[in-house]
């Protein structure tokens, strides 16, 4: 990972964590006043940002492994991205 990529990953992870903290703080404060607020779309964005950072940093390690591990990493990464955007892989009861 070159310096620019590392800086980008650092910025994305920082923003994702700050966004997550802000969401929890807002929900907590609103909850103190017996209110409710839906910040699901912000949680969605933070979750995707965190997933992208984990995959990016994980790839830096995985690319030094054998071809089999690279393929496994790619498959799991695709599944993680799909899960982050709301795709479920198990049957749900109605």
PDB file of N, CA and C in Angstrom:
ATOM      1  N   UNK A   1       0.857  -1.167   0.000  1.00  0.00           N
ATOM      2  CA  UNK A   1       0.000   0.000   0.000  1.00  0.00           C
ATOM      3  C   UNK A   1       0.900   1.227   0.000  1.00  0.00           C
ATOM      4  N   UNK A   2       0.684   2.073  -0.976  1.00  0.00           N
ATOM      5  CA  UNK A   2       1.509   3.276  -1.011  1.00  0.00           C
ATOM      6  C   UNK A   2       0.989   4.307  -0.008  1.00  0.00           C
ATOM      7  N   UNK A   3       1.727   5.377   0.120  1.00  0.00           N
ATOM      8  CA  UNK A   3       1.418   6.390   1.132  1.00  0.00           C
ATOM      9  C   UNK A   3       0.049   7.031   0.923  1.00  0.00           C
ATOM     10  N   UNK A   4      -0.310   7.305  -0.325  1.00  0.00           N
ATOM     11  CA  UNK A   4      -1.608   7.919  -0.615  1.00  0.00           C
ATOM     12  C   UNK A   4      -2.766   6.986  -0.265  1.00  0.00           C
ATOM     13  N   UNK A   5      -2.615   5.697  -0.591  1.00  0.00           N
ATOM     14  CA  UNK A   5      -3.655   4.723  -0.260  1.00  0.00           C
ATOM     15  C   UNK A   5      -3.799   4.578   1.249  1.00  0.00           C
ATOM     16  N   UNK A   6      -2.678   4.549   1.956  1.00  0.00           N
ATOM     17  CA  UNK A   6      -2.717   4.430   3.412  1.00  0.00           C
ATOM     18  C   UNK A   6      -3.407   5.647   4.027  1.00  0.00           C
ATOM     19  N   UNK A   7      -3.125   6.820   3.499  1.00  0.00           N
ATOM     20  CA  UNK A   7      -3.760   8.039   4.014  1.00  0.00           C
ATOM     21  C   UNK A   7      -5.261   8.014   3.747  1.00  0.00           C
ATOM     22  N   UNK A   8      -5.666   7.573   2.548  1.00  0.00           N
ATOM     23  CA  UNK A   8      -7.078   7.475   2.213  1.00  0.00           C
ATOM     24  C   UNK A   8      -7.788   6.504   3.151  1.00  0.00           C
ATOM     25  N   UNK A   9      -7.193   5.337   3.388  1.00  0.00           N
ATOM     26  CA  UNK A   9      -7.788   4.357   4.299  1.00  0.00           C
ATOM     27  C   UNK A   9      -7.902   4.935   5.710  1.00  0.00           C
ATOM     28  N   UNK A  10      -6.891   5.683   6.129  1.00  0.00           N
ATOM     29  CA  UNK A  10      -6.918   6.304   7.459  1.00  0.00           C
ATOM     30  C   UNK A  10      -8.047   7.320   7.559  1.00  0.00           C
ATOM     31  N   UNK A  11      -8.215   8.128   6.530  1.00  0.00           N
ATOM     32  CA  UNK A  11      -9.270   9.143   6.528  1.00  0.00           C
ATOM     33  C   UNK A  11     -10.650   8.485   6.540  1.00  0.00           C
ATOM     34  N   UNK A  12     -10.838   7.463   5.710  1.00  0.00           N
ATOM     35  CA  UNK A  12     -12.136   6.781   5.654  1.00  0.00           C
ATOM     36  C   UNK A  12     -12.452   6.133   6.994  1.00  0.00           C
ATOM     37  N   UNK A  13     -11.473   5.472   7.599  1.00  0.00           N
ATOM     38  CA  UNK A  13     -11.736   4.827   8.888  1.00  0.00           C
ATOM     39  C   UNK A  13     -12.049   5.870   9.962  1.00  0.00           C
ATOM     40  N   UNK A  14     -11.331   6.986   9.963  1.00  0.00           N
ATOM     41  CA  UNK A  14     -11.598   8.052  10.924  1.00  0.00           C
ATOM     42  C   UNK A  14     -13.013   8.589  10.755  1.00  0.00           C
ATOM     43  N   UNK A  15     -13.394   8.900   9.518  1.00  0.00           N
ATOM     44  CA  UNK A  15     -14.728   9.435   9.262  1.00  0.00           C
ATOM     45  C   UNK A  15     -15.822   8.437   9.628  1.00  0.00           C
ATOM     46  N   UNK A  16     -15.600   7.178   9.328  1.00  0.00           N
ATOM     47  CA  UNK A  16     -16.590   6.147   9.654  1.00  0.00           C
ATOM     48  C   UNK A  16     -16.774   6.029  11.159  1.00  0.00           C
ATOM     49  N   UNK A  17     -15.689   6.040  11.899  1.00  0.00           N
ATOM     50  CA  UNK A  17     -15.799   5.942  13.350  1.00  0.00           C
ATOM     51  C   UNK A  17     -16.439   7.190  13.949  1.00  0.00           C
ATOM     52  N   UNK A  18     -16.099   8.366  13.440  1.00  0.00           N
ATOM     53  CA  UNK A  18     -16.713   9.594  13.942  1.00  0.00           C
ATOM     54  C   UNK A  18     -18.205   9.632  13.620  1.00  0.00           C
ATOM     55  N   UNK A  19     -18.582   9.183  12.430  1.00  0.00           N
ATOM     56  CA  UNK A  19     -19.986   9.132  12.046  1.00  0.00           C
ATOM     57  C   UNK A  19     -20.747   8.165  12.949  1.00  0.00           C
ATOM     58  N   UNK A  20     -20.162   7.014  13.211  1.00  0.00           N
ATOM     59  CA  UNK A  20     -20.788   6.037  14.098  1.00  0.00           C
ATOM     60  C   UNK A  20     -20.952   6.606  15.501  1.00  0.00           C
ATOM     61  N   UNK A  21     -19.924   7.273  16.002  1.00  0.00           N
ATOM     62  CA  UNK A  21     -20.003   7.884  17.333  1.00  0.00           C
ATOM     63  C   UNK A  21     -21.088   8.964  17.373  1.00  0.00           C
ATOM     64  N   UNK A  22     -21.173   9.777  16.340  1.00  0.00           N
ATOM     65  CA  UNK A  22     -22.191  10.829  16.283  1.00  0.00           C
ATOM     66  C   UNK A  22     -23.595  10.228  16.270  1.00  0.00           C
ATOM     67  N   UNK A  23     -23.778   9.164  15.525  1.00  0.00           N
ATOM     68  CA  UNK A  23     -25.079   8.497  15.466  1.00  0.00           C
ATOM     69  C   UNK A  23     -25.482   8.008  16.855  1.00  0.00           C
ATOM     70  N   UNK A  24     -24.566   7.332  17.531  1.00  0.00           N
ATOM     71  CA  UNK A  24     -24.874   6.807  18.867  1.00  0.00           C
ATOM     72  C   UNK A  24     -25.149   7.942  19.854  1.00  0.00           C
ATOM     73  N   UNK A  25     -24.407   9.019  19.755  1.00  0.00           N
ATOM     74  CA  UNK A  25     -24.623  10.159  20.645  1.00  0.00           C
ATOM     75  C   UNK A  25     -25.992  10.794  20.410  1.00  0.00           C
ATOM     76  N   UNK A  26     -26.357  10.984  19.160  1.00  0.00           N
ATOM     77  CA  UNK A  26     -27.646  11.580  18.829  1.00  0.00           C
ATOM     78  C   UNK A  26     -28.790  10.684  19.306  1.00  0.00           C
ATOM     79  N   UNK A  27     -28.673   9.381  19.054  1.00  0.00           N
ATOM     80  CA  UNK A  27     -29.715   8.450  19.493  1.00  0.00           C
ATOM     81  C   UNK A  27     -29.823   8.463  21.020  1.00  0.00           C
ATOM     82  N   UNK A  28     -28.697   8.532  21.709  1.00  0.00           N
ATOM     83  CA  UNK A  28     -28.696   8.583  23.172  1.00  0.00           C
ATOM     84  C   UNK A  28     -29.383   9.852  23.675  1.00  0.00           C
ATOM     85  N   UNK A  29     -29.013  10.996  23.114  1.00  0.00           N
ATOM     86  CA  UNK A  29     -29.588  12.276  23.555  1.00  0.00           C
ATOM     87  C   UNK A  29     -31.091  12.320  23.283  1.00  0.00           C
ATOM     88  N   UNK A  30     -31.497  11.882  22.103  1.00  0.00           N
ATOM     89  CA  UNK A  30     -32.924  11.871  21.772  1.00  0.00           C
ATOM     90  C   UNK A  30     -33.660  10.902  22.706  1.00  0.00           C
ATOM     91  N   UNK A  31     -33.035   9.793  23.037  1.00  0.00           N
ATOM     92  CA  UNK A  31     -33.634   8.812  23.944  1.00  0.00           C
ATOM     93  C   UNK A  31     -33.840   9.356  25.341  1.00  0.00           C
ATOM     94  N   UNK A  32     -32.993  10.280  25.777  1.00  0.00           N
ATOM     95  CA  UNK A  32     -33.166  10.900  27.096  1.00  0.00           C
ATOM     96  C   UNK A  32     -34.470  11.680  27.191  1.00  0.00           C
ATOM     97  N   UNK A  33     -34.954  12.171  26.078  1.00  0.00           N
ATOM     98  CA  UNK A  33     -36.173  12.956  26.042  1.00  0.00           C
ATOM     99  C   UNK A  33     -37.361  12.140  25.533  1.00  0.00           C
ATOM    100  N   UNK A  34     -37.264  10.825  25.672  1.00  0.00           N
ATOM    101  CA  UNK A  34     -38.331   9.900  25.274  1.00  0.00           C
ATOM    102  C   UNK A  34     -38.727  10.045  23.809  1.00  0.00           C
ATOM    103  N   UNK A  35     -37.800  10.389  22.988  1.00  0.00           N
ATOM    104  CA  UNK A  35     -38.068  10.510  21.561  1.00  0.00           C
ATOM    105  C   UNK A  35     -37.427   9.368  20.800  1.00  0.00           C
ATOM    106  N   UNK A  36     -37.675   9.345  19.546  1.00  0.00           N
ATOM    107  CA  UNK A  36     -37.017   8.358  18.689  1.00  0.00           C
ATOM    108  C   UNK A  36     -36.605   9.048  17.400  1.00  0.00           C
ATOM    109  N   UNK A  37     -35.560   8.537  16.819  1.00  0.00           N
ATOM    110  CA  UNK A  37     -35.033   9.114  15.586  1.00  0.00           C
ATOM    111  C   UNK A  37     -34.504   7.975  14.741  1.00  0.00           C
ATOM    112  N   UNK A  38     -34.677   8.092  13.451  1.00  0.00           N
ATOM    113  CA  UNK A  38     -34.211   7.057  12.537  1.00  0.00           C
ATOM    114  C   UNK A  38     -32.991   7.579  11.789  1.00  0.00           C
ATOM    115  N   UNK A  39     -31.840   7.069  12.155  1.00  0.00           N
ATOM    116  CA  UNK A  39     -30.598   7.443  11.470  1.00  0.00           C
ATOM    117  C   UNK A  39     -30.015   6.248  10.724  1.00  0.00           C
ATOM    118  N   UNK A  40     -30.895   5.391  10.249  1.00  0.00           N
ATOM    119  CA  UNK A  40     -30.462   4.178   9.563  1.00  0.00           C
ATOM    120  C   UNK A  40     -29.593   4.448   8.347  1.00  0.00           C
ATOM    121  N   UNK A  41     -29.910   5.505   7.619  1.00  0.00           N
ATOM    122  CA  UNK A  41     -29.128   5.799   6.407  1.00  0.00           C
ATOM    123  C   UNK A  41     -27.709   6.218   6.768  1.00  0.00           C
ATOM    124  N   UNK A  42     -27.516   6.903   7.895  1.00  0.00           N
ATOM    125  CA  UNK A  42     -26.157   7.252   8.315  1.00  0.00           C
ATOM    126  C   UNK A  42     -25.397   6.015   8.790  1.00  0.00           C
ATOM    127  N   UNK A  43     -26.095   5.126   9.482  1.00  0.00           N
ATOM    128  CA  UNK A  43     -25.475   3.866   9.905  1.00  0.00           C
ATOM    129  C   UNK A  43     -25.061   3.041   8.686  1.00  0.00           C
ATOM    130  N   UNK A  44     -25.903   3.058   7.673  1.00  0.00           N
ATOM    131  CA  UNK A  44     -25.612   2.346   6.424  1.00  0.00           C
ATOM    132  C   UNK A  44     -24.316   2.867   5.795  1.00  0.00           C
ATOM    133  N   UNK A  45     -24.180   4.173   5.720  1.00  0.00           N
ATOM    134  CA  UNK A  45     -22.972   4.781   5.141  1.00  0.00           C
ATOM    135  C   UNK A  45     -21.743   4.431   5.971  1.00  0.00           C
ATOM    136  N   UNK A  46     -21.848   4.547   7.299  1.00  0.00           N
ATOM    137  CA  UNK A  46     -20.718   4.225   8.174  1.00  0.00           C
ATOM    138  C   UNK A  46     -20.330   2.763   8.041  1.00  0.00           C
ATOM    139  N   UNK A  47     -21.304   1.880   7.948  1.00  0.00           N
ATOM    140  CA  UNK A  47     -21.033   0.448   7.822  1.00  0.00           C
ATOM    141  C   UNK A  47     -20.298   0.141   6.520  1.00  0.00           C
ATOM    142  N   UNK A  48     -20.717   0.764   5.436  1.00  0.00           N
ATOM    143  CA  UNK A  48     -20.037   0.547   4.158  1.00  0.00           C
ATOM    144  C   UNK A  48     -18.605   1.080   4.221  1.00  0.00           C
ATOM    145  N   UNK A  49     -18.424   2.245   4.818  1.00  0.00           N
ATOM    146  CA  UNK A  49     -17.075   2.820   4.928  1.00  0.00           C
ATOM    147  C   UNK A  49     -16.160   1.895   5.732  1.00  0.00           C
ATOM    148  N   UNK A  50     -16.645   1.379   6.839  1.00  0.00           N
ATOM    149  CA  UNK A  50     -15.836   0.478   7.653  1.00  0.00           C
ATOM    150  C   UNK A  50     -15.519  -0.817   6.902  1.00  0.00           C
ATOM    151  N   UNK A  51     -16.487  -1.330   6.165  1.00  0.00           N
ATOM    152  CA  UNK A  51     -16.268  -2.549   5.392  1.00  0.00           C
ATOM    153  C   UNK A  51     -15.205  -2.327   4.320  1.00  0.00           C
ATOM    154  N   UNK A  52     -15.258  -1.192   3.641  1.00  0.00           N
ATOM    155  CA  UNK A  52     -14.277  -0.877   2.598  1.00  0.00           C
ATOM    156  C   UNK A  52     -12.865  -0.783   3.197  1.00  0.00           C
ATOM    157  N   UNK A  53     -12.753  -0.157   4.354  1.00  0.00           N
ATOM    158  CA  UNK A  53     -11.437  -0.027   4.992  1.00  0.00           C
ATOM    159  C   UNK A  53     -10.888  -1.398   5.386  1.00  0.00           C
ATOM    160  N   UNK A  54     -11.725  -2.219   5.982  1.00  0.00           N
ATOM    161  CA  UNK A  54     -11.274  -3.549   6.401  1.00  0.00           C
ATOM    162  C   UNK A  54     -10.840  -4.377   5.189  1.00  0.00           C
ATOM    163  N   UNK A  55     -11.598  -4.306   4.118  1.00  0.00           N
ATOM    164  CA  UNK A  55     -11.237  -5.057   2.913  1.00  0.00           C
ATOM    165  C   UNK A  55      -9.943  -4.514   2.311  1.00  0.00           C
ATOM    166  N   UNK A  56      -9.809  -3.203   2.257  1.00  0.00           N
ATOM    167  CA  UNK A  56      -8.594  -2.605   1.692  1.00  0.00           C
ATOM    168  C   UNK A  56      -7.337  -2.978   2.456  1.00  0.00           C
ATOM    169  N   UNK A  57      -7.414  -2.892   3.767  1.00  0.00           N
ATOM    170  CA  UNK A  57      -6.254  -3.241   4.584  1.00  0.00           C
ATOM    171  C   UNK A  57      -6.017  -4.751   4.564  1.00  0.00           C
ATOM    172  N   UNK A  58      -7.104  -5.515   4.605  1.00  0.00           N
ATOM    173  CA  UNK A  58      -6.968  -6.974   4.543  1.00  0.00           C
ATOM    174  C   UNK A  58      -6.342  -7.448   3.246  1.00  0.00           C
ATOM    175  N   UNK A  59      -6.646  -6.778   2.158  1.00  0.00           N
ATOM    176  CA  UNK A  59      -6.079  -7.160   0.867  1.00  0.00           C
ATOM    177  C   UNK A  59      -4.564  -6.981   0.853  1.00  0.00           C
ATOM    178  N   UNK A  60      -4.092  -5.967   1.548  1.00  0.00           N
ATOM    179  CA  UNK A  60      -2.644  -5.748   1.608  1.00  0.00           C
ATOM    180  C   UNK A  60      -1.936  -6.956   2.201  1.00  0.00           C
ATOM    181  N   UNK A  61      -2.569  -7.606   3.154  1.00  0.00           N
ATOM    182  CA  UNK A  61      -2.003  -8.832   3.727  1.00  0.00           C
ATOM    183  C   UNK A  61      -2.248 -10.023   2.806  1.00  0.00           C
ATOM    184  N   UNK A  62      -3.470 -10.146   2.294  1.00  0.00           N
ATOM    185  CA  UNK A  62      -3.855 -11.314   1.502  1.00  0.00           C
ATOM    186  C   UNK A  62      -3.077 -11.421   0.194  1.00  0.00           C
ATOM    187  N   UNK A  63      -2.680 -10.293  -0.376  1.00  0.00           N
ATOM    188  CA  UNK A  63      -1.984 -10.373  -1.669  1.00  0.00           C
ATOM    189  C   UNK A  63      -0.612 -11.018  -1.546  1.00  0.00           C
ATOM    190  N   UNK A  64      -0.101 -11.159  -0.349  1.00  0.00           N
ATOM    191  CA  UNK A  64       1.160 -11.859  -0.143  1.00  0.00           C
ATOM    192  C   UNK A  64       0.985 -13.344   0.099  1.00  0.00           C
ATOM    193  N   UNK A  65      -0.253 -13.813   0.135  1.00  0.00           N
ATOM    194  CA  UNK A  65      -0.538 -15.225   0.388  1.00  0.00           C
ATOM    195  C   UNK A  65      -0.675 -15.992  -0.927  1.00  0.00           C
ATOM    196  N   UNK A  66      -0.941 -17.283  -0.807  1.00  0.00           N
ATOM    197  CA  UNK A  66      -1.093 -18.121  -1.991  1.00  0.00           C
ATOM    198  C   UNK A  66      -2.366 -17.754  -2.752  1.00  0.00           C
ATOM    199  N   UNK A  67      -2.447 -18.264  -3.983  1.00  0.00           N
ATOM    200  CA  UNK A  67      -3.587 -17.966  -4.857  1.00  0.00           C
ATOM    201  C   UNK A  67      -4.904 -18.418  -4.228  1.00  0.00           C
ATOM    202  N   UNK A  68      -4.896 -19.559  -3.555  1.00  0.00           N
ATOM    203  CA  UNK A  68      -6.112 -20.074  -2.923  1.00  0.00           C
ATOM    204  C   UNK A  68      -6.629 -19.082  -1.875  1.00  0.00           C
ATOM    205  N   UNK A  69      -5.732 -18.554  -1.035  1.00  0.00           N
ATOM    206  CA  UNK A  69      -6.140 -17.609  -0.008  1.00  0.00           C
ATOM    207  C   UNK A  69      -6.610 -16.294  -0.616  1.00  0.00           C
ATOM    208  N   UNK A  70      -6.020 -15.894  -1.724  1.00  0.00           N
ATOM    209  CA  UNK A  70      -6.480 -14.679  -2.403  1.00  0.00           C
ATOM    210  C   UNK A  70      -7.915 -14.850  -2.892  1.00  0.00           C
ATOM    211  N   UNK A  71      -8.196 -16.012  -3.467  1.00  0.00           N
ATOM    212  CA  UNK A  71      -9.549 -16.297  -3.967  1.00  0.00           C
ATOM    213  C   UNK A  71     -10.541 -16.336  -2.809  1.00  0.00           C
ATOM    214  N   UNK A  72     -10.165 -17.005  -1.717  1.00  0.00           N
ATOM    215  CA  UNK A  72     -11.031 -17.052  -0.536  1.00  0.00           C
ATOM    216  C   UNK A  72     -11.293 -15.642  -0.020  1.00  0.00           C
ATOM    217  N   UNK A  73     -10.250 -14.826   0.039  1.00  0.00           N
ATOM    218  CA  UNK A  73     -10.399 -13.450   0.516  1.00  0.00           C
ATOM    219  C   UNK A  73     -11.352 -12.660  -0.382  1.00  0.00           C
ATOM    220  N   UNK A  74     -11.222 -12.803  -1.679  1.00  0.00           N
ATOM    221  CA  UNK A  74     -12.091 -12.084  -2.612  1.00  0.00           C
ATOM    222  C   UNK A  74     -13.542 -12.514  -2.440  1.00  0.00           C
ATOM    223  N   UNK A  75     -13.782 -13.807  -2.317  1.00  0.00           N
ATOM    224  CA  UNK A  75     -15.148 -14.305  -2.133  1.00  0.00           C
ATOM    225  C   UNK A  75     -15.743 -13.765  -0.835  1.00  0.00           C
ATOM    226  N   UNK A  76     -14.973 -13.842   0.247  1.00  0.00           N
ATOM    227  CA  UNK A  76     -15.463 -13.345   1.539  1.00  0.00           C
ATOM    228  C   UNK A  76     -15.669 -11.831   1.486  1.00  0.00           C
ATOM    229  N   UNK A  77     -14.817 -11.111   0.767  1.00  0.00           N
ATOM    230  CA  UNK A  77     -14.967  -9.667   0.630  1.00  0.00           C
ATOM    231  C   UNK A  77     -16.256  -9.309  -0.096  1.00  0.00           C
ATOM    232  N   UNK A  78     -16.560 -10.028  -1.149  1.00  0.00           N
ATOM    233  CA  UNK A  78     -17.806  -9.786  -1.884  1.00  0.00           C
ATOM    234  C   UNK A  78     -19.001 -10.055  -0.973  1.00  0.00           C
ATOM    235  N   UNK A  79     -18.946 -11.143  -0.208  1.00  0.00           N
ATOM    236  CA  UNK A  79     -20.023 -11.452   0.725  1.00  0.00           C
ATOM    237  C   UNK A  79     -20.169 -10.358   1.791  1.00  0.00           C
ATOM    238  N   UNK A  80     -19.040  -9.834   2.270  1.00  0.00           N
ATOM    239  CA  UNK A  80     -19.070  -8.767   3.273  1.00  0.00           C
ATOM    240  C   UNK A  80     -19.699  -7.495   2.709  1.00  0.00           C
ATOM    241  N   UNK A  81     -19.364  -7.158   1.478  1.00  0.00           N
ATOM    242  CA  UNK A  81     -19.945  -5.965   0.845  1.00  0.00           C
ATOM    243  C   UNK A  81     -21.448  -6.152   0.651  1.00  0.00           C
ATOM    244  N   UNK A  82     -21.838  -7.334   0.189  1.00  0.00           N
ATOM    245  CA  UNK A  82     -23.266  -7.605   0.018  1.00  0.00           C
ATOM    246  C   UNK A  82     -24.004  -7.533   1.348  1.00  0.00           C
ATOM    247  N   UNK A  83     -23.402  -8.067   2.398  1.00  0.00           N
ATOM    248  CA  UNK A  83     -24.014  -7.999   3.723  1.00  0.00           C
ATOM    249  C   UNK A  83     -24.112  -6.551   4.201  1.00  0.00           C
ATOM    250  N   UNK A  84     -23.107  -5.749   3.898  1.00  0.00           N
ATOM    251  CA  UNK A  84     -23.110  -4.340   4.316  1.00  0.00           C
ATOM    252  C   UNK A  84     -24.227  -3.555   3.644  1.00  0.00           C
ATOM    253  N   UNK A  85     -24.609  -3.944   2.443  1.00  0.00           N
ATOM    254  CA  UNK A  85     -25.683  -3.227   1.748  1.00  0.00           C
ATOM    255  C   UNK A  85     -27.049  -3.857   1.980  1.00  0.00           C
ATOM    256  N   UNK A  86     -27.090  -4.891   2.844  1.00  0.00           N
ATOM    257  CA  UNK A  86     -28.377  -5.432   3.251  1.00  0.00           C
ATOM    258  C   UNK A  86     -28.789  -6.753   2.664  1.00  0.00           C
ATOM    259  N   UNK A  87     -27.950  -7.400   1.895  1.00  0.00           N
ATOM    260  CA  UNK A  87     -28.283  -8.704   1.339  1.00  0.00           C
ATOM    261  C   UNK A  87     -28.111  -9.746   2.436  1.00  0.00           C
ATOM    262  N   UNK A  88     -29.121 -10.595   2.621  1.00  0.00           N
ATOM    263  CA  UNK A  88     -29.028 -11.651   3.621  1.00  0.00           C
ATOM    264  C   UNK A  88     -28.791 -12.989   2.932  1.00  0.00           C
ATOM    265  N   UNK A  89     -28.111 -13.865   3.642  1.00  0.00           N
ATOM    266  CA  UNK A  89     -27.726 -15.152   3.067  1.00  0.00           C
ATOM    267  C   UNK A  89     -28.386 -16.326   3.767  1.00  0.00           C
ATOM    268  N   UNK A  90     -29.362 -16.047   4.576  1.00  0.00           N
ATOM    269  CA  UNK A  90     -30.043 -17.111   5.301  1.00  0.00           C
ATOM    270  C   UNK A  90     -31.549 -16.866   5.207  1.00  0.00           C
ATOM    271  N   UNK A  91     -32.303 -17.942   5.277  1.00  0.00           N
ATOM    272  CA  UNK A  91     -33.758 -17.783   5.170  1.00  0.00           C
ATOM    273  C   UNK A  91     -34.305 -17.073   6.412  1.00  0.00           C
ATOM    274  N   UNK A  92     -35.308 -16.243   6.200  1.00  0.00           N
ATOM    275  CA  UNK A  92     -35.953 -15.551   7.310  1.00  0.00           C
ATOM    276  C   UNK A  92     -37.354 -16.095   7.496  1.00  0.00           C
ATOM    277  N   UNK A  93     -37.813 -16.082   8.730  1.00  0.00           N
ATOM    278  CA  UNK A  93     -39.181 -16.525   9.017  1.00  0.00           C
ATOM    279  C   UNK A  93     -40.127 -15.344   8.893  1.00  0.00           C
ATOM    280  N   UNK A  94     -41.253 -15.580   8.293  1.00  0.00           N
ATOM    281  CA  UNK A  94     -42.255 -14.512   8.127  1.00  0.00           C
ATOM    282  C   UNK A  94     -43.228 -14.504   9.259  1.00  0.00           C
TER     283      UNK A  94
END
